[in-house]
C-alpha atoms as a PDB file:
ATOM      1  CA  MET A   1    -141.823-105.334  11.212  1.00  0.00           C
ATOM      2  CA  THR A   2    -140.281-103.438   8.538  1.00  0.00           C
ATOM      3  CA  ALA A   3    -139.911-104.264   4.900  1.00  0.00           C
ATOM      4  CA  THR A   4    -136.360-104.711   3.711  1.00  0.00           C
ATOM      5  CA  ASP A   5    -136.315-102.697   0.353  1.00  0.00           C
ATOM      6  CA  SER A   6    -133.311-104.228  -1.135  1.00  0.00           C
ATOM      7  CA  SER A   7    -135.034-107.833  -0.625  1.00  0.00           C
ATOM      8  CA  LEU A   8    -138.359-106.885  -2.080  1.00  0.00           C
ATOM      9  CA  PRO A   9    -137.670-107.298  -5.881  1.00  0.00           C
ATOM     10  CA  THR A  10    -136.363-110.754  -5.296  1.00  0.00           C
ATOM     11  CA  LEU A  11    -139.187-111.751  -2.896  1.00  0.00           C
ATOM     12  CA  GLN A  12    -141.997-110.472  -5.131  1.00  0.00           C
ATOM     13  CA  LEU A  13    -140.605-111.693  -8.492  1.00  0.00           C
ATOM     14  CA  THR A  14    -139.730-115.199 -10.131  1.00  0.00           C
ATOM     15  CA  ARG A  15    -136.552-115.739 -11.668  1.00  0.00           C
ATOM     16  CA  GLU A  16    -137.866-114.541 -14.828  1.00  0.00           C
ATOM     17  CA  GLY A  17    -139.366-111.367 -13.636  1.00  0.00           C
ATOM     18  CA  ARG A  18    -143.060-112.177 -13.229  1.00  0.00           C
ATOM     19  CA  LEU A  19    -145.025-111.560 -10.216  1.00  0.00           C
ATOM     20  CA  LYS A  20    -145.591-114.005  -7.445  1.00  0.00           C
ATOM     21  CA  HIS A  21    -146.381-111.669  -4.385  1.00  0.00           C
ATOM     22  CA  PHE A  22    -147.626-108.027  -4.578  1.00  0.00           C
ATOM     23  CA  LEU A  23    -146.119-106.331  -1.453  1.00  0.00           C
ATOM     24  CA  THR A  24    -145.120-102.848  -2.890  1.00  0.00           C
ATOM     25  CA  LEU A  25    -144.609-101.179  -6.067  1.00  0.00           C
ATOM     26  CA  ASP A  26    -141.077-100.812  -4.766  1.00  0.00           C
ATOM     27  CA  GLY A  27    -138.565-102.398  -7.244  1.00  0.00           C
ATOM     28  CA  LEU A  28    -141.168-102.879  -9.908  1.00  0.00           C
ATOM     29  CA  ASP A  29    -140.640-101.366 -13.433  1.00  0.00           C
ATOM     30  CA  GLN A  30    -142.766 -99.276 -15.680  1.00  0.00           C
ATOM     31  CA  ALA A  31    -143.066-102.373 -17.845  1.00  0.00           C
ATOM     32  CA  LEU A  32    -144.681-104.749 -15.215  1.00  0.00           C
ATOM     33  CA  LEU A  33    -147.060-101.920 -13.973  1.00  0.00           C
ATOM     34  CA  THR A  34    -148.093-101.371 -17.568  1.00  0.00           C
ATOM     35  CA  ASP A  35    -148.586-105.204 -17.721  1.00  0.00           C
ATOM     36  CA  ILE A  36    -150.815-104.999 -14.810  1.00  0.00           C
ATOM     37  CA  LEU A  37    -152.863-102.223 -16.178  1.00  0.00           C
ATOM     38  CA  ASP A  38    -153.124-104.046 -19.397  1.00  0.00           C
ATOM     39  CA  THR A  39    -154.280-107.161 -17.764  1.00  0.00           C
ATOM     40  CA  ALA A  40    -156.969-105.332 -15.779  1.00  0.00           C
ATOM     41  CA  ASP A  41    -158.006-103.677 -18.728  1.00  0.00           C
ATOM     42  CA  SER A  42    -159.061-107.077 -20.226  1.00  0.00           C
ATOM     43  CA  PHE A  43    -160.947-108.079 -17.206  1.00  0.00           C
ATOM     44  CA  ILE A  44    -163.173-105.015 -17.364  1.00  0.00           C
ATOM     45  CA  GLU A  45    -165.784-106.558 -19.694  1.00  0.00           C
ATOM     46  CA  VAL A  46    -166.029-109.745 -17.260  1.00  0.00           C
ATOM     47  CA  GLY A  47    -167.916-107.042 -14.867  1.00  0.00           C
ATOM     48  CA  GLU A  48    -170.555-106.468 -17.707  1.00  0.00           C
ATOM     49  CA  ARG A  49    -171.240-110.177 -18.388  1.00  0.00           C
ATOM     50  CA  SER A  50    -174.314-111.827 -17.348  1.00  0.00           C
ATOM     51  CA  ILE A  51    -172.102-114.579 -15.960  1.00  0.00           C
ATOM     52  CA  LYS A  52    -169.218-112.621 -14.395  1.00  0.00           C
ATOM     53  CA  LYS A  53    -166.855-115.393 -14.153  1.00  0.00           C
ATOM     54  CA  VAL A  54    -163.374-116.683 -15.656  1.00  0.00           C
ATOM     55  CA  PRO A  55    -161.705-119.970 -14.792  1.00  0.00           C
ATOM     56  CA  LEU A  56    -158.191-118.713 -13.751  1.00  0.00           C
ATOM     57  CA  LEU A  57    -158.294-119.553 -10.331  1.00  0.00           C
ATOM     58  CA  ARG A  58    -160.582-122.445 -10.262  1.00  0.00           C
ATOM     59  CA  GLY A  59    -159.596-125.000  -7.534  1.00  0.00           C
ATOM     60  CA  ARG A  60    -157.582-122.436  -5.702  1.00  0.00           C
ATOM     61  CA  THR A  61    -158.206-121.119  -1.976  1.00  0.00           C
ATOM     62  CA  VAL A  62    -158.113-117.650  -1.369  1.00  0.00           C
ATOM     63  CA  VAL A  63    -157.735-116.234   2.136  1.00  0.00           C
ATOM     64  CA  ASN A  64    -158.888-112.715   3.047  1.00  0.00           C
ATOM     65  CA  LEU A  65    -156.703-112.006   6.170  1.00  0.00           C
ATOM     66  CA  PHE A  66    -157.855-108.554   7.451  1.00  0.00           C
ATOM     67  CA  PHE A  67    -156.338-107.400  10.972  1.00  0.00           C
ATOM     68  CA  GLU A  68    -157.849-103.996  10.237  1.00  0.00           C
ATOM     69  CA  SER A  69    -161.495-103.053   9.263  1.00  0.00           C
ATOM     70  CA  SER A  70    -162.032-102.443   5.548  1.00  0.00           C
ATOM     71  CA  THR A  71    -165.174-102.191   3.250  1.00  0.00           C
ATOM     72  CA  ARG A  72    -164.088-101.382  -0.282  1.00  0.00           C
ATOM     73  CA  THR A  73    -160.677-103.104  -0.058  1.00  0.00           C
ATOM     74  CA  ARG A  74    -162.175-106.601   1.439  1.00  0.00           C
ATOM     75  CA  SER A  75    -165.369-106.478  -0.656  1.00  0.00           C
ATOM     76  CA  THR A  76    -163.524-105.902  -4.025  1.00  0.00           C
ATOM     77  CA  PHE A  77    -160.825-108.624  -3.226  1.00  0.00           C
ATOM     78  CA  GLU A  78    -163.592-111.022  -2.371  1.00  0.00           C
ATOM     79  CA  LEU A  79    -165.483-110.164  -5.660  1.00  0.00           C
ATOM     80  CA  ALA A  80    -162.231-110.246  -7.617  1.00  0.00           C
ATOM     81  CA  ALA A  81    -161.334-113.820  -6.236  1.00  0.00           C
ATOM     82  CA  LYS A  82    -164.833-115.099  -6.844  1.00  0.00           C
ATOM     83  CA  ARG A  83    -164.804-113.772 -10.475  1.00  0.00           C
ATOM     84  CA  LEU A  84    -161.658-115.685 -10.981  1.00  0.00           C
ATOM     85  CA  SER A  85    -163.675-118.905  -9.973  1.00  0.00           C
ATOM     86  CA  ALA A  86    -161.468-119.268  -6.683  1.00  0.00           C
ATOM     87  CA  ASP A  87    -163.057-120.517  -3.322  1.00  0.00           C
ATOM     88  CA  VAL A  88    -162.814-117.811  -0.773  1.00  0.00           C
ATOM     89  CA  LEU A  89    -162.458-117.755   3.002  1.00  0.00           C
ATOM     90  CA  ASN A  90    -162.878-114.431   4.898  1.00  0.00           C
ATOM     91  CA  LEU A  91    -161.088-114.726   8.295  1.00  0.00           C
ATOM     92  CA  ASP A  92    -162.764-112.481  10.854  1.00  0.00           C
ATOM     93  CA  ILE A  93    -159.708-111.649  13.110  1.00  0.00           C
ATOM     94  CA  ASN A  94    -161.976-110.352  15.994  1.00  0.00           C
ATOM     95  CA  THR A  95    -163.594-114.019  16.270  1.00  0.00           C
ATOM     96  CA  SER A  96    -160.452-115.944  15.143  1.00  0.00           C
ATOM     97  CA  ALA A  97    -158.148-117.799  17.611  1.00  0.00           C
ATOM     98  CA  THR A  98    -155.830-114.779  17.202  1.00  0.00           C
ATOM     99  CA  SER A  99    -158.073-112.834  19.515  1.00  0.00           C
ATOM    100  CA  LYS A 100    -157.484-115.698  22.101  1.00  0.00           C
ATOM    101  CA  GLY A 101    -153.744-115.377  22.025  1.00  0.00           C
ATOM    102  CA  GLU A 102    -152.728-117.516  18.921  1.00  0.00           C
ATOM    103  CA  THR A 103    -149.662-116.129  17.360  1.00  0.00           C
ATOM    104  CA  LEU A 104    -149.742-114.829  13.675  1.00  0.00           C
ATOM    105  CA  SER A 105    -147.417-117.724  12.854  1.00  0.00           C
ATOM    106  CA  ASP A 106    -149.605-120.311  14.100  1.00  0.00           C
ATOM    107  CA  THR A 107    -152.588-118.920  12.291  1.00  0.00           C
ATOM    108  CA  LEU A 108    -150.785-119.052   9.184  1.00  0.00           C
ATOM    109  CA  LEU A 109    -149.489-122.537   9.516  1.00  0.00           C
ATOM    110  CA  ASN A 110    -153.100-123.779  10.302  1.00  0.00           C
ATOM    111  CA  LEU A 111    -154.343-121.876   7.255  1.00  0.00           C
ATOM    112  CA  GLU A 112    -151.490-123.447   5.104  1.00  0.00           C
ATOM    113  CA  ALA A 113    -152.662-126.826   6.335  1.00  0.00           C
ATOM    114  CA  MET A 114    -156.045-126.156   4.645  1.00  0.00           C
ATOM    115  CA  ALA A 115    -154.222-126.067   1.351  1.00  0.00           C
ATOM    116  CA  SER A 116    -154.814-122.258   0.823  1.00  0.00           C
ATOM    117  CA  ASP A 117    -153.089-120.901  -2.148  1.00  0.00           C
ATOM    118  CA  MET A 118    -153.227-117.129  -1.607  1.00  0.00           C
ATOM    119  CA  PHE A 119    -153.374-114.717   1.390  1.00  0.00           C
ATOM    120  CA  VAL A 120    -154.821-111.106   1.130  1.00  0.00           C
ATOM    121  CA  VAL A 121    -153.470-109.318   4.088  1.00  0.00           C
ATOM    122  CA  ARG A 122    -154.233-106.210   5.653  1.00  0.00           C
ATOM    123  CA  HIS A 123    -152.442-105.424   8.841  1.00  0.00           C
ATOM    124  CA  SER A 124    -151.774-102.133  10.872  1.00  0.00           C
ATOM    125  CA  GLN A 125    -148.028-102.896  11.145  1.00  0.00           C
ATOM    126  CA  SER A 126    -145.830-101.798   8.387  1.00  0.00           C
ATOM    127  CA  GLY A 127    -144.041-104.749   6.748  1.00  0.00           C
ATOM    128  CA  ALA A 128    -146.538-107.438   8.015  1.00  0.00           C
ATOM    129  CA  PRO A 129    -147.307-108.898   4.563  1.00  0.00           C
ATOM    130  CA  HIS A 130    -143.514-108.748   3.736  1.00  0.00           C
ATOM    131  CA  PHE A 131    -142.816-110.876   7.023  1.00  0.00           C
ATOM    132  CA  ILE A 132    -145.624-113.404   5.869  1.00  0.00           C
ATOM    133  CA  ALA A 133    -144.126-113.641   2.316  1.00  0.00           C
ATOM    134  CA  GLU A 134    -140.831-114.545   3.942  1.00  0.00           C
ATOM    135  CA  THR A 135    -142.404-117.256   6.192  1.00  0.00           C
ATOM    136  CA  VAL A 136    -144.971-119.130   4.511  1.00  0.00           C
ATOM    137  CA  THR A 137    -144.696-122.221   2.703  1.00  0.00           C
ATOM    138  CA  PRO A 138    -143.554-121.643  -0.991  1.00  0.00           C
ATOM    139  CA  GLY A 139    -146.276-121.662  -3.413  1.00  0.00           C
ATOM    140  CA  VAL A 140    -148.467-119.584  -1.257  1.00  0.00           C
ATOM    141  CA  ALA A 141    -148.874-116.209  -2.853  1.00  0.00           C
ATOM    142  CA  ILE A 142    -149.316-113.034  -0.697  1.00  0.00           C
ATOM    143  CA  ILE A 143    -151.190-109.921  -1.595  1.00  0.00           C
ATOM    144  CA  ASN A 144    -150.648-106.725   0.461  1.00  0.00           C
ATOM    145  CA  ALA A 145    -154.272-105.109   0.937  1.00  0.00           C
ATOM    146  CA  GLY A 146    -152.571-102.171   3.186  1.00  0.00           C
ATOM    147  CA  ASP A 147    -149.903-102.570   5.709  1.00  0.00           C
ATOM    148  CA  GLY A 148    -149.637 -99.505   8.232  1.00  0.00           C
ATOM    149  CA  ARG A 149    -148.235 -96.365   6.784  1.00  0.00           C
ATOM    150  CA  HIS A 150    -146.128 -98.187   4.433  1.00  0.00           C
ATOM    151  CA  ALA A 151    -148.029 -99.351   1.218  1.00  0.00           C
ATOM    152  CA  HIS A 152    -151.307-100.074  -0.495  1.00  0.00           C
ATOM    153  CA  PRO A 153    -149.985-101.127  -3.952  1.00  0.00           C
ATOM    154  CA  THR A 154    -153.650-102.361  -5.427  1.00  0.00           C
ATOM    155  CA  GLN A 155    -155.048 -99.319  -4.437  1.00  0.00           C
ATOM    156  CA  ALA A 156    -152.444 -97.278  -6.288  1.00  0.00           C
ATOM    157  CA  MET A 157    -152.802 -99.351  -9.361  1.00  0.00           C
ATOM    158  CA  LEU A 158    -156.504 -98.958  -9.603  1.00  0.00           C
ATOM    159  CA  ASP A 159    -156.084 -95.430  -9.409  1.00  0.00           C
ATOM    160  CA  MET A 160    -153.492 -95.541 -12.077  1.00  0.00           C
ATOM    161  CA  LEU A 161    -155.915 -97.527 -14.184  1.00  0.00           C
ATOM    162  CA  THR A 162    -158.595 -94.648 -13.633  1.00  0.00           C
ATOM    163  CA  ILE A 163    -155.997 -92.116 -14.699  1.00  0.00           C
ATOM    164  CA  ARG A 164    -155.213 -93.772 -17.958  1.00  0.00           C
ATOM    165  CA  GLN A 165    -158.982 -94.754 -19.036  1.00  0.00           C
ATOM    166  CA  HIS A 166    -159.720 -90.873 -18.681  1.00  0.00           C
ATOM    167  CA  LYS A 167    -156.358 -89.424 -19.736  1.00  0.00           C
ATOM    168  CA  GLY A 168    -155.101 -91.736 -22.091  1.00  0.00           C
ATOM    169  CA  GLN A 169    -151.574 -91.766 -21.353  1.00  0.00           C
ATOM    170  CA  PHE A 170    -149.312 -90.721 -18.232  1.00  0.00           C
ATOM    171  CA  ALA A 171    -146.772 -88.435 -19.916  1.00  0.00           C
ATOM    172  CA  GLY A 172    -147.313 -84.869 -19.679  1.00  0.00           C
ATOM    173  CA  LEU A 173    -149.614 -85.148 -16.567  1.00  0.00           C
ATOM    174  CA  LYS A 174    -149.503 -83.097 -13.412  1.00  0.00           C
ATOM    175  CA  VAL A 175    -151.105 -84.894 -10.541  1.00  0.00           C
ATOM    176  CA  ALA A 176    -151.622 -83.443  -6.958  1.00  0.00           C
ATOM    177  CA  ILE A 177    -152.225 -85.675  -3.838  1.00  0.00           C
ATOM    178  CA  VAL A 178    -154.080 -83.616  -1.092  1.00  0.00           C
ATOM    179  CA  GLY A 179    -154.660 -83.928   2.553  1.00  0.00           C
ATOM    180  CA  ASP A 180    -153.206 -86.418   5.152  1.00  0.00           C
ATOM    181  CA  ILE A 181    -149.954 -87.598   3.302  1.00  0.00           C
ATOM    182  CA  LEU A 182    -148.395 -88.323   6.754  1.00  0.00           C
ATOM    183  CA  HIS A 183    -150.571 -91.156   7.530  1.00  0.00           C
ATOM    184  CA  SER A 184    -151.319 -92.488   4.209  1.00  0.00           C
ATOM    185  CA  ARG A 185    -150.031 -95.573   2.772  1.00  0.00           C
ATOM    186  CA  VAL A 186    -152.170 -94.927  -0.402  1.00  0.00           C
ATOM    187  CA  ALA A 187    -150.113 -91.759  -1.009  1.00  0.00           C
ATOM    188  CA  ARG A 188    -146.744 -93.405  -0.935  1.00  0.00           C
ATOM    189  CA  SER A 189    -147.788 -96.120  -3.400  1.00  0.00           C
ATOM    190  CA  GLN A 190    -149.339 -93.304  -5.499  1.00  0.00           C
ATOM    191  CA  ILE A 191    -146.392 -91.210  -5.763  1.00  0.00           C
ATOM    192  CA  ARG A 192    -144.257 -94.446  -6.439  1.00  0.00           C
ATOM    193  CA  ALA A 193    -146.593 -95.621  -9.268  1.00  0.00           C
ATOM    194  CA  LEU A 194    -147.099 -92.155 -10.824  1.00  0.00           C
ATOM    195  CA  ASN A 195    -143.441 -91.605 -11.046  1.00  0.00           C
ATOM    196  CA  THR A 196    -142.716 -95.045 -12.230  1.00  0.00           C
ATOM    197  CA  LEU A 197    -145.475 -94.659 -14.931  1.00  0.00           C
ATOM    198  CA  GLY A 198    -143.898 -91.225 -16.291  1.00  0.00           C
ATOM    199  CA  VAL A 199    -146.021 -88.406 -15.352  1.00  0.00           C
ATOM    200  CA  GLU A 200    -144.628 -85.033 -15.705  1.00  0.00           C
ATOM    201  CA  GLU A 201    -145.015 -83.838 -12.055  1.00  0.00           C
ATOM    202  CA  VAL A 202    -146.278 -85.187  -8.841  1.00  0.00           C
ATOM    203  CA  ARG A 203    -147.376 -82.470  -6.134  1.00  0.00           C
ATOM    204  CA  VAL A 204    -148.432 -83.095  -2.507  1.00  0.00           C
ATOM    205  CA  ILE A 205    -150.739 -80.425  -0.822  1.00  0.00           C
ATOM    206  CA  ALA A 206    -150.834 -80.353   2.795  1.00  0.00           C
ATOM    207  CA  PRO A 207    -150.190 -78.431   6.070  1.00  0.00           C
ATOM    208  CA  ALA A 208    -146.640 -79.101   7.435  1.00  0.00           C
ATOM    209  CA  THR A 209    -147.762 -81.211  10.272  1.00  0.00           C
ATOM    210  CA  LEU A 210    -149.317 -83.683   7.639  1.00  0.00           C
ATOM    211  CA  LEU A 211    -146.367 -84.252   5.634  1.00  0.00           C
ATOM    212  CA  PRO A 212    -143.461 -86.756   6.342  1.00  0.00           C
ATOM    213  CA  LYS A 213    -140.227 -85.231   6.842  1.00  0.00           C
ATOM    214  CA  ASP A 214    -138.756 -86.869   3.629  1.00  0.00           C
ATOM    215  CA  VAL A 215    -141.803 -86.505   1.551  1.00  0.00           C
ATOM    216  CA  GLU A 216    -139.725 -84.489  -1.234  1.00  0.00           C
ATOM    217  CA  SER A 217    -137.215 -87.638  -1.436  1.00  0.00           C
ATOM    218  CA  LEU A 218    -140.189 -89.799  -2.626  1.00  0.00           C
ATOM    219  CA  GLY A 219    -140.405 -87.906  -5.869  1.00  0.00           C
ATOM    220  CA  CYS A 220    -142.882 -85.080  -5.584  1.00  0.00           C
ATOM    221  CA  LYS A 221    -143.225 -81.305  -5.153  1.00  0.00           C
ATOM    222  CA  VAL A 222    -144.559 -79.882  -1.959  1.00  0.00           C
ATOM    223  CA  GLU A 223    -147.158 -77.301  -1.909  1.00  0.00           C
ATOM    224  CA  TYR A 224    -148.462 -75.557   1.411  1.00  0.00           C
ATOM    225  CA  ASP A 225    -150.984 -73.393  -0.252  1.00  0.00           C
ATOM    226  CA  MET A 226    -153.944 -75.334  -1.799  1.00  0.00           C
ATOM    227  CA  ARG A 227    -155.203 -72.621  -3.989  1.00  0.00           C
ATOM    228  CA  HIS A 228    -151.431 -72.064  -5.594  1.00  0.00           C
ATOM    229  CA  GLY A 229    -150.870 -76.035  -5.788  1.00  0.00           C
ATOM    230  CA  LEU A 230    -154.179 -76.633  -7.564  1.00  0.00           C
ATOM    231  CA  ARG A 231    -153.394 -74.548 -10.588  1.00  0.00           C
ATOM    232  CA  ASP A 232    -152.987 -76.305 -14.329  1.00  0.00           C
ATOM    233  CA  LEU A 233    -153.851 -79.770 -12.604  1.00  0.00           C
ATOM    234  CA  ASP A 234    -155.041 -82.707 -14.646  1.00  0.00           C
ATOM    235  CA  VAL A 235    -155.651 -84.913 -11.823  1.00  0.00           C
ATOM    236  CA  ILE A 236    -156.722 -84.179  -7.970  1.00  0.00           C
ATOM    237  CA  ILE A 237    -156.459 -87.133  -5.619  1.00  0.00           C
ATOM    238  CA  MET A 238    -158.061 -86.324  -1.967  1.00  0.00           C
ATOM    239  CA  LEU A 239    -157.191 -88.049   0.963  1.00  0.00           C
ATOM    240  CA  ARG A 240    -159.077 -88.738   4.147  1.00  0.00           C
ATOM    241  CA  LEU A 241    -158.084 -87.421   7.519  1.00  0.00           C
ATOM    242  CA  GLN A 242    -156.869 -90.600   9.244  1.00  0.00           C
ATOM    243  CA  ARG A 243    -157.665 -89.399  12.831  1.00  0.00           C
ATOM    244  CA  GLU A 244    -157.310 -93.227  14.138  1.00  0.00           C
ATOM    245  CA  ARG A 245    -153.538 -92.769  13.273  1.00  0.00           C
ATOM    246  CA  MET A 246    -153.047 -89.308  14.498  1.00  0.00           C
ATOM    247  CA  GLU A 247    -151.099 -88.807  17.912  1.00  0.00           C
ATOM    248  CA  GLY A 248    -151.554 -85.381  19.333  1.00  0.00           C
ATOM    249  CA  ALA A 249    -153.004 -82.331  17.745  1.00  0.00           C
ATOM    250  CA  LEU A 250    -151.807 -82.172  14.255  1.00  0.00           C
ATOM    251  CA  LEU A 251    -154.857 -79.987  13.272  1.00  0.00           C
ATOM    252  CA  PRO A 252    -156.564 -76.909  14.774  1.00  0.00           C
ATOM    253  CA  SER A 253    -159.976 -78.287  13.687  1.00  0.00           C
ATOM    254  CA  GLU A 254    -161.765 -80.066  10.912  1.00  0.00           C
ATOM    255  CA  ARG A 255    -163.612 -76.882   9.962  1.00  0.00           C
ATOM    256  CA  GLU A 256    -160.208 -75.220   9.528  1.00  0.00           C
ATOM    257  CA  PHE A 257    -158.765 -77.902   7.640  1.00  0.00           C
ATOM    258  CA  TYR A 258    -161.798 -77.891   5.268  1.00  0.00           C
ATOM    259  CA  ARG A 259    -161.597 -74.081   4.934  1.00  0.00           C
ATOM    260  CA  LEU A 260    -157.782 -74.496   3.894  1.00  0.00           C
ATOM    261  CA  TYR A 261    -157.502 -78.032   2.265  1.00  0.00           C
ATOM    262  CA  GLY A 262    -161.175 -78.955   1.481  1.00  0.00           C
ATOM    263  CA  LEU A 263    -161.815 -79.383  -2.202  1.00  0.00           C
ATOM    264  CA  ASN A 264    -164.830 -77.137  -3.262  1.00  0.00           C
ATOM    265  CA  GLU A 265    -166.072 -76.039  -6.601  1.00  0.00           C
ATOM    266  CA  GLU A 266    -164.332 -72.764  -6.170  1.00  0.00           C
ATOM    267  CA  LYS A 267    -160.982 -74.290  -5.828  1.00  0.00           C
ATOM    268  CA  LEU A 268    -161.459 -77.062  -8.404  1.00  0.00           C
ATOM    269  CA  ALA A 269    -162.061 -74.198 -10.968  1.00  0.00           C
ATOM    270  CA  LEU A 270    -158.380 -73.336 -10.428  1.00  0.00           C
ATOM    271  CA  ALA A 271    -157.452 -76.549 -11.976  1.00  0.00           C
ATOM    272  CA  ASP A 272    -157.659 -77.606 -15.839  1.00  0.00           C
ATOM    273  CA  SER A 273    -161.135 -77.397 -16.748  1.00  0.00           C
ATOM    274  CA  ARG A 274    -160.785 -81.403 -17.847  1.00  0.00           C
ATOM    275  CA  CYS A 275    -159.245 -82.236 -14.390  1.00  0.00           C
ATOM    276  CA  ILE A 276    -160.775 -85.363 -12.875  1.00  0.00           C
ATOM    277  CA  VAL A 277    -161.283 -85.523  -9.011  1.00  0.00           C
ATOM    278  CA  MET A 278    -160.510 -88.879  -7.296  1.00  0.00           C
ATOM    279  CA  HIS A 279    -160.510 -90.202  -3.723  1.00  0.00           C
ATOM    280  CA  PRO A 280    -159.581 -93.675  -2.363  1.00  0.00           C
ATOM    281  CA  GLY A 281    -162.444 -93.512   0.191  1.00  0.00           C
ATOM    282  CA  PRO A 282    -164.167 -93.580   2.672  1.00  0.00           C
ATOM    283  CA  ILE A 283    -165.127 -89.916   1.879  1.00  0.00           C
ATOM    284  CA  ASN A 284    -165.659 -87.590   4.646  1.00  0.00           C
ATOM    285  CA  ARG A 285    -167.986 -85.126   3.124  1.00  0.00           C
ATOM    286  CA  GLY A 286    -167.409 -81.461   4.168  1.00  0.00           C
ATOM    287  CA  VAL A 287    -164.152 -82.506   5.853  1.00  0.00           C
ATOM    288  CA  GLU A 288    -161.846 -83.001   2.703  1.00  0.00           C
ATOM    289  CA  ILE A 289    -164.594 -82.574  -0.088  1.00  0.00           C
ATOM    290  CA  GLU A 290    -167.856 -80.858  -0.567  1.00  0.00           C
ATOM    291  CA  SER A 291    -170.598 -83.115  -2.114  1.00  0.00           C
ATOM    292  CA  ALA A 292    -170.977 -81.057  -5.039  1.00  0.00           C
ATOM    293  CA  VAL A 293    -167.540 -81.997  -6.106  1.00  0.00           C
ATOM    294  CA  ALA A 294    -167.740 -85.729  -4.871  1.00  0.00           C
ATOM    295  CA  ASP A 295    -170.849 -86.081  -6.975  1.00  0.00           C
ATOM    296  CA  GLY A 296    -169.994 -83.899  -9.770  1.00  0.00           C
ATOM    297  CA  PRO A 297    -169.216 -84.386 -13.330  1.00  0.00           C
ATOM    298  CA  GLN A 298    -165.261 -84.367 -12.793  1.00  0.00           C
ATOM    299  CA  SER A 299    -165.653 -87.083 -10.181  1.00  0.00           C
ATOM    300  CA  VAL A 300    -164.491 -90.505 -10.968  1.00  0.00           C
ATOM    301  CA  ILE A 301    -164.592 -91.816  -7.695  1.00  0.00           C
ATOM    302  CA  LEU A 302    -167.012 -94.597  -8.187  1.00  0.00           C
ATOM    303  CA  ASN A 303    -164.883 -95.534 -11.467  1.00  0.00           C
ATOM    304  CA  GLN A 304    -162.212 -96.145  -9.097  1.00  0.00           C
ATOM    305  CA  VAL A 305    -164.281 -98.824  -7.074  1.00  0.00           C
ATOM    306  CA  THR A 306    -165.259-100.398 -10.311  1.00  0.00           C
ATOM    307  CA  ASN A 307    -161.555-100.759 -11.504  1.00  0.00           C
ATOM    308  CA  GLY A 308    -160.775-102.014  -7.918  1.00  0.00           C
ATOM    309  CA  ILE A 309    -162.106-105.183  -8.913  1.00  0.00           C
ATOM    310  CA  ALA A 310    -160.358-105.574 -12.324  1.00  0.00           C
ATOM    311  CA  VAL A 311    -157.042-104.742 -11.002  1.00  0.00           C
ATOM    312  CA  ARG A 312    -157.128-107.114  -7.993  1.00  0.00           C
ATOM    313  CA  MET A 313    -158.252-109.642 -10.448  1.00  0.00           C
ATOM    314  CA  ALA A 314    -155.340-108.939 -12.272  1.00  0.00           C
ATOM    315  CA  VAL A 315    -152.869-109.043  -9.675  1.00  0.00           C
ATOM    316  CA  MET A 316    -154.189-112.224  -8.132  1.00  0.00           C
ATOM    317  CA  SER A 317    -154.170-114.039 -11.408  1.00  0.00           C
ATOM    318  CA  MET A 318    -150.640-112.740 -12.317  1.00  0.00           C
ATOM    319  CA  ALA A 319    -149.352-113.535  -8.846  1.00  0.00           C
ATOM    320  CA  MET A 320    -150.891-116.997  -8.728  1.00  0.00           C
ATOM    321  CA  SER A 321    -149.248-117.873 -12.387  1.00  0.00           C
ATOM    322  CA  GLY A 322    -145.817-116.737 -11.357  1.00  0.00           C
ATOM    323  CA  GLN A 323    -145.970-119.077  -8.221  1.00  0.00           C
ATOM    324  CA  VAL A 324    -146.928-121.828 -10.556  1.00  0.00           C
ATOM    325  CA  SER A 325    -144.058-120.893 -12.998  1.00  0.00           C
ATOM    326  CA  GLU A 326    -141.516-120.821 -10.078  1.00  0.00           C
ATOM    327  CA  ARG A 327    -142.390-124.589  -9.144  1.00  0.00           C
ATOM    328  CA  VAL A 328    -141.109-125.432 -12.548  1.00  0.00           C
ATOM    329  CA  GLN A 329    -137.176-125.288 -12.713  1.00  0.00           C
ATOM    330  CA  PRO A 330    -135.432-124.502 -16.026  1.00  0.00           C
ATOM    331  CA  GLY A 331    -135.296-127.687 -18.167  1.00  0.00           C
ATOM    332  CA  GLU A 332    -138.319-129.409 -15.982  1.00  0.00           C
ATOM    333  CA  GLY A 333    -141.091-128.958 -18.722  1.00  0.00           C
ATOM    334  CA  ALA A 334    -143.756-131.446 -19.468  1.00  0.00           C
ATOM    335  CA  GLY A 335    -142.651-134.742 -20.713  1.00  0.00           C
ATOM    336  CA  GLN A 336    -138.985-134.583 -18.877  1.00  0.00           C
END
């Protein structure tokens, strides 16, 4: 399964340009990404209330359809749906009928028959959420929670919200993404978001074996030497080594990787003194980052987790609203 880039804007957006699925950041402009961030900002205070609920998805059913394991993403999507007052079904793929041979299409048909309104999908195959969005009944919103090496758009957007909170704006910022770029769907979405939102420079810092061949075409500058690449940075985003996706010996050893590309206090000092440190998780301490940095004053890693709820609330509410508006044809307003 692979997403067809030319079809994505039409598939994701209503005729009026509103979100109805959220599959990738490809084809989405700065205005829409900013609208997502602004909407997420408005949901931040919901998490600070004694009753953390708004009624925007009351009566709607959201199905978390995770074909890969997840902790932060699945948990924050569930919390986001519940804070929007939706009914939530978490489907455990390991014990579902798909483990007994049922096809994905049949699983979806059965879930649609239960009057589901939204599927949040994580899948090991790139393009799986796109395929589902093309095949489900119209009116069911599909949110990509990570597909293969392709995209993780909500993670990128919660990262953008975190950057905006701490830096105020994107213009003029120098941002580096460090580590396993090759296997990271997060990195691809982050690069797209950063460039769309207008940062001054995006760098990727990694050994050649952990970089896609076409990485510069994504809109970034490649640095192989971490100490050189960290200079004058405003934001550092560290990535996990994704051993489960690696084929062959791409690294000499984790110890050697940490020596060359792990972020410690000495290397962090090379960046701007106000530089923030981010990580999408899960963190491998002593492999890509030392604890003194992960837990230090420049770390905003836990802020990212908190912002994940607000961003996912924003995306889910906007997509559901777009689905509703799509059902109403021009000239079919109330009373006609």
